[in-house]
C-alpha atoms as a PDB file:
ATOM      1  CA  UNK A   1       5.833  38.244 -19.475  1.00  0.00           C
ATOM      2  CA  UNK A   2       9.146  36.475 -19.203  1.00  0.00           C
ATOM      3  CA  UNK A   3       9.826  32.899 -18.314  1.00  0.00           C
ATOM      4  CA  UNK A   4       9.889  32.011 -14.623  1.00  0.00           C
ATOM      5  CA  UNK A   5      13.349  30.992 -13.458  1.00  0.00           C
ATOM      6  CA  UNK A   6      13.296  27.627 -11.693  1.00  0.00           C
ATOM      7  CA  UNK A   7      15.240  27.132  -8.486  1.00  0.00           C
ATOM      8  CA  UNK A   8      17.400  24.073  -8.009  1.00  0.00           C
ATOM      9  CA  UNK A   9      16.691  21.814  -5.044  1.00  0.00           C
ATOM     10  CA  UNK A  10      20.081  21.731  -3.361  1.00  0.00           C
ATOM     11  CA  UNK A  11      19.455  18.380  -1.666  1.00  0.00           C
ATOM     12  CA  UNK A  12      18.793  16.768  -5.042  1.00  0.00           C
ATOM     13  CA  UNK A  13      21.717  18.548  -6.698  1.00  0.00           C
ATOM     14  CA  UNK A  14      24.122  17.047  -4.141  1.00  0.00           C
ATOM     15  CA  UNK A  15      22.911  13.503  -4.757  1.00  0.00           C
ATOM     16  CA  UNK A  16      22.454  13.402  -8.535  1.00  0.00           C
ATOM     17  CA  UNK A  17      24.738  14.341 -11.440  1.00  0.00           C
ATOM     18  CA  UNK A  18      23.968  14.623 -15.135  1.00  0.00           C
ATOM     19  CA  UNK A  19      25.640  12.358 -17.651  1.00  0.00           C
ATOM     20  CA  UNK A  20      26.743  13.531 -21.083  1.00  0.00           C
ATOM     21  CA  UNK A  21      23.457  12.390 -22.610  1.00  0.00           C
ATOM     22  CA  UNK A  22      21.371  14.246 -19.992  1.00  0.00           C
ATOM     23  CA  UNK A  23      20.384  11.295 -17.812  1.00  0.00           C
ATOM     24  CA  UNK A  24      20.733  11.521 -14.045  1.00  0.00           C
ATOM     25  CA  UNK A  25      23.101   9.190 -12.209  1.00  0.00           C
ATOM     26  CA  UNK A  26      23.322   8.476  -8.476  1.00  0.00           C
ATOM     27  CA  UNK A  27      25.149   6.314  -5.985  1.00  0.00           C
ATOM     28  CA  UNK A  28      23.565   3.069  -4.834  1.00  0.00           C
ATOM     29  CA  UNK A  29      21.848   2.895  -1.488  1.00  0.00           C
ATOM     30  CA  UNK A  30      22.280   0.246   1.254  1.00  0.00           C
ATOM     31  CA  UNK A  31      26.062   0.430   1.356  1.00  0.00           C
ATOM     32  CA  UNK A  32      26.632   2.762   4.302  1.00  0.00           C
ATOM     33  CA  UNK A  33      26.367   0.380   7.238  1.00  0.00           C
ATOM     34  CA  UNK A  34      25.661  -3.235   8.256  1.00  0.00           C
ATOM     35  CA  UNK A  35      28.115  -4.336   5.587  1.00  0.00           C
ATOM     36  CA  UNK A  36      29.192  -7.500   7.407  1.00  0.00           C
ATOM     37  CA  UNK A  37      25.783  -9.055   6.727  1.00  0.00           C
ATOM     38  CA  UNK A  38      26.026  -8.443   2.993  1.00  0.00           C
ATOM     39  CA  UNK A  39      27.884 -10.695   0.588  1.00  0.00           C
ATOM     40  CA  UNK A  40      31.042  -9.562  -1.180  1.00  0.00           C
ATOM     41  CA  UNK A  41      29.238  -9.722  -4.510  1.00  0.00           C
ATOM     42  CA  UNK A  42      26.440  -7.495  -3.230  1.00  0.00           C
ATOM     43  CA  UNK A  43      28.868  -4.897  -1.876  1.00  0.00           C
ATOM     44  CA  UNK A  44      30.856  -4.962  -5.114  1.00  0.00           C
ATOM     45  CA  UNK A  45      27.762  -4.285  -7.197  1.00  0.00           C
ATOM     46  CA  UNK A  46      26.691  -1.468  -4.859  1.00  0.00           C
ATOM     47  CA  UNK A  47      29.921   0.429  -5.612  1.00  0.00           C
ATOM     48  CA  UNK A  48      28.800   1.355  -9.108  1.00  0.00           C
ATOM     49  CA  UNK A  49      26.733   4.359 -10.050  1.00  0.00           C
ATOM     50  CA  UNK A  50      23.274   3.823 -11.491  1.00  0.00           C
ATOM     51  CA  UNK A  51      21.050   5.869 -13.739  1.00  0.00           C
ATOM     52  CA  UNK A  52      17.545   6.778 -12.699  1.00  0.00           C
ATOM     53  CA  UNK A  53      14.427   5.082 -13.917  1.00  0.00           C
ATOM     54  CA  UNK A  54      12.179   6.939 -16.345  1.00  0.00           C
ATOM     55  CA  UNK A  55       9.528   7.648 -13.678  1.00  0.00           C
ATOM     56  CA  UNK A  56      12.014   9.026 -11.158  1.00  0.00           C
ATOM     57  CA  UNK A  57      13.730  10.999 -13.900  1.00  0.00           C
ATOM     58  CA  UNK A  58      10.515  12.941 -14.637  1.00  0.00           C
ATOM     59  CA  UNK A  59      10.183  13.966 -10.986  1.00  0.00           C
ATOM     60  CA  UNK A  60      13.790  15.082 -10.664  1.00  0.00           C
ATOM     61  CA  UNK A  61      13.744  17.032 -13.920  1.00  0.00           C
ATOM     62  CA  UNK A  62      11.674  19.646 -12.083  1.00  0.00           C
ATOM     63  CA  UNK A  63      14.020  19.702  -9.075  1.00  0.00           C
ATOM     64  CA  UNK A  64      17.228  19.932 -11.113  1.00  0.00           C
ATOM     65  CA  UNK A  65      16.307  22.151 -14.070  1.00  0.00           C
ATOM     66  CA  UNK A  66      19.779  22.650 -15.594  1.00  0.00           C
END
């Protein structure tokens, strides 16, 4: 028997990208609306991409196999 080919979850593939070392990066949440109530510092820090935590990385490894 051959190996089962895993399907990619397209919703996850649109939101997460792999780095060169294999970690998953994503955009920060809470930046889309209600920005006038947030400080300039908070909005500036939300611009940057973040890498996933170890626990979330395990879950998404199954959804994004490549």
